[in-house]
C-alpha cells in the first residue's frame, strides 16, 4: 500500500513558484526525497492557473508519512508557506493493488 498526496499551493502573483524555487534551491525538497519511505516528491506547474503549483507526494505507508510530518523538514515547509502566504488544498489516494487486475496498461503508449 502507498499513499499519494496531491497538494495544491496557491498564492498571489508568483508566490507559489517562488516557494518551489526556495524549496528546491534550499535543499529541503531533496532532503524530503531522501526520507525513508518517500517514493516521489515532485512539483508541477499549471498551464491554466499560473498562481497554483501541484506537489505530488507519495509515501510507502502511513507510518512513513507520519514520520515526515514529525520531521524538521515539515517545520521548514510551514515557515515557507507562511512567508509566501500560500493556501492549500489536498487530495489523498491510497493504493492497494493486491488482487486487482491491471486493465489500464493497454492504454499507455511507451
Protein backbone atom coordinates (compact mmCIF):
# COMPACT_ATOMS: atom_id res chain seq x y z
CA UNK A 1 0.00 0.00 0.00
CA UNK A 2 1.20 3.51 -0.79
CA UNK A 3 -0.29 6.91 -0.07
CA UNK A 4 -0.27 9.65 -2.69
CA UNK A 5 -0.97 13.22 -1.76
CA UNK A 6 -1.74 15.85 -4.39
CA UNK A 7 -1.13 19.18 -2.69
CA UNK A 8 -2.14 22.35 -4.49
CA UNK A 9 -0.33 25.50 -3.33
CA UNK A 10 -1.96 28.78 -4.40
CA UNK A 11 -0.78 32.31 -3.75
CA UNK A 12 -0.71 35.84 -5.11
CA UNK A 13 1.41 36.77 -8.12
CA UNK A 14 4.29 34.29 -8.45
CA UNK A 15 4.46 33.33 -4.75
CA UNK A 16 3.77 29.61 -5.35
CA UNK A 17 6.60 29.47 -7.90
CA UNK A 18 8.94 31.32 -5.53
CA UNK A 19 8.03 28.82 -2.78
CA UNK A 20 9.02 25.91 -5.04
CA UNK A 21 12.22 27.65 -6.05
CA UNK A 22 13.22 28.12 -2.42
CA UNK A 23 12.27 24.52 -1.54
CA UNK A 24 14.48 23.23 -4.37
CA UNK A 25 17.43 25.63 -4.12
CA UNK A 26 17.46 25.49 -0.31
CA UNK A 27 17.71 21.69 -0.36
CA UNK A 28 14.53 21.00 1.60
CA UNK A 29 12.81 19.21 -1.30
CA UNK A 30 15.81 16.96 -1.89
CA UNK A 31 16.11 16.18 1.82
CA UNK A 32 12.46 15.09 1.82
CA UNK A 33 13.11 12.88 -1.22
CA UNK A 34 15.78 11.15 0.86
CA UNK A 35 13.48 10.47 3.81
CA UNK A 36 12.78 6.82 4.49
CA UNK A 37 9.58 5.75 2.75
CA UNK A 38 9.37 8.64 0.27
CA UNK A 39 8.58 7.36 -3.22
CA UNK A 40 8.03 10.67 -5.02
CA UNK A 41 8.23 14.37 -4.23
CA UNK A 42 7.79 16.44 -7.36
CA UNK A 43 6.31 19.82 -8.27
CA UNK A 44 4.28 20.60 -11.39
CA UNK A 45 3.19 23.94 -12.81
CA UNK A 46 -0.27 24.54 -14.21
CA UNK A 47 -0.70 25.94 -17.70
CA UNK A 48 -4.21 27.18 -16.86
CA UNK A 49 -3.58 28.62 -13.38
CA UNK A 50 -0.26 30.47 -13.02
CA UNK A 51 -0.87 31.07 -9.30
CA UNK A 52 -1.06 27.36 -8.37
CA UNK A 53 1.60 24.67 -8.10
CA UNK A 54 0.88 20.96 -7.68
CA UNK A 55 3.05 18.79 -5.46
CA UNK A 56 2.75 15.03 -5.95
CA UNK A 57 3.99 13.49 -2.72
CA UNK A 58 3.94 9.66 -2.46
CA UNK A 59 4.83 7.60 0.61
CA UNK A 60 5.12 3.84 1.03
CA UNK A 61 2.98 3.79 4.19
CA UNK A 62 1.03 5.90 6.65
CA UNK A 63 3.89 5.42 9.13
CA UNK A 64 6.37 6.95 6.67
CA UNK A 65 4.02 9.89 6.07
CA UNK A 66 3.55 10.37 9.81
CA UNK A 67 7.34 10.37 10.30
CA UNK A 68 7.65 13.02 7.59
CA UNK A 69 5.01 15.16 9.31
CA UNK A 70 7.05 14.94 12.54
CA UNK A 71 10.36 15.76 10.81
CA UNK A 72 12.23 19.08 10.93
CA UNK A 73 11.54 19.43 7.19
CA UNK A 74 7.87 19.96 7.96
CA UNK A 75 8.71 23.00 10.09
CA UNK A 76 10.65 24.46 7.14
CA UNK A 77 7.71 23.86 4.79
CA UNK A 78 5.33 25.58 7.20
CA UNK A 79 7.69 28.53 7.54
CA UNK A 80 7.93 28.93 3.76
CA UNK A 81 4.17 28.57 3.29
CA UNK A 82 3.71 31.46 5.72
CA UNK A 83 6.46 33.50 4.07
CA UNK A 84 4.76 33.24 0.68
CA UNK A 85 1.21 33.39 2.10
CA UNK A 86 0.16 30.18 0.36
CA UNK A 87 -3.17 28.43 0.74
CA UNK A 88 -3.59 24.74 0.12
CA UNK A 89 -5.99 22.03 -0.80
CA UNK A 90 -5.22 18.33 -0.74
CA UNK A 91 -6.33 15.12 -2.37
CA UNK A 92 -5.38 11.80 -0.81
CA UNK A 93 -5.18 8.49 -2.69
CA UNK A 94 -4.44 5.09 -1.16
CA UNK A 95 -3.11 2.41 -3.44
CA UNK A 96 -3.82 -1.25 -2.79
CA UNK A 97 -3.37 -3.22 -5.99
CA UNK A 98 -3.26 -6.71 -4.46
CA UNK A 99 -5.61 -8.90 -6.43
CA UNK A 100 -6.77 -6.10 -8.73
CA UNK A 101 -6.12 -6.78 -12.42
CA UNK A 102 -4.14 -4.21 -14.41
CA UNK A 103 -6.62 -3.05 -17.04
CA UNK A 104 -5.08 0.37 -17.69
CA UNK A 105 -1.68 -0.57 -19.14
CA UNK A 106 -3.16 -1.27 -22.56
CA UNK A 107 -3.99 2.46 -22.84
CA UNK A 108 -0.42 3.62 -22.20
CA UNK A 109 1.96 4.42 -25.03
CA UNK A 110 5.52 3.68 -24.01
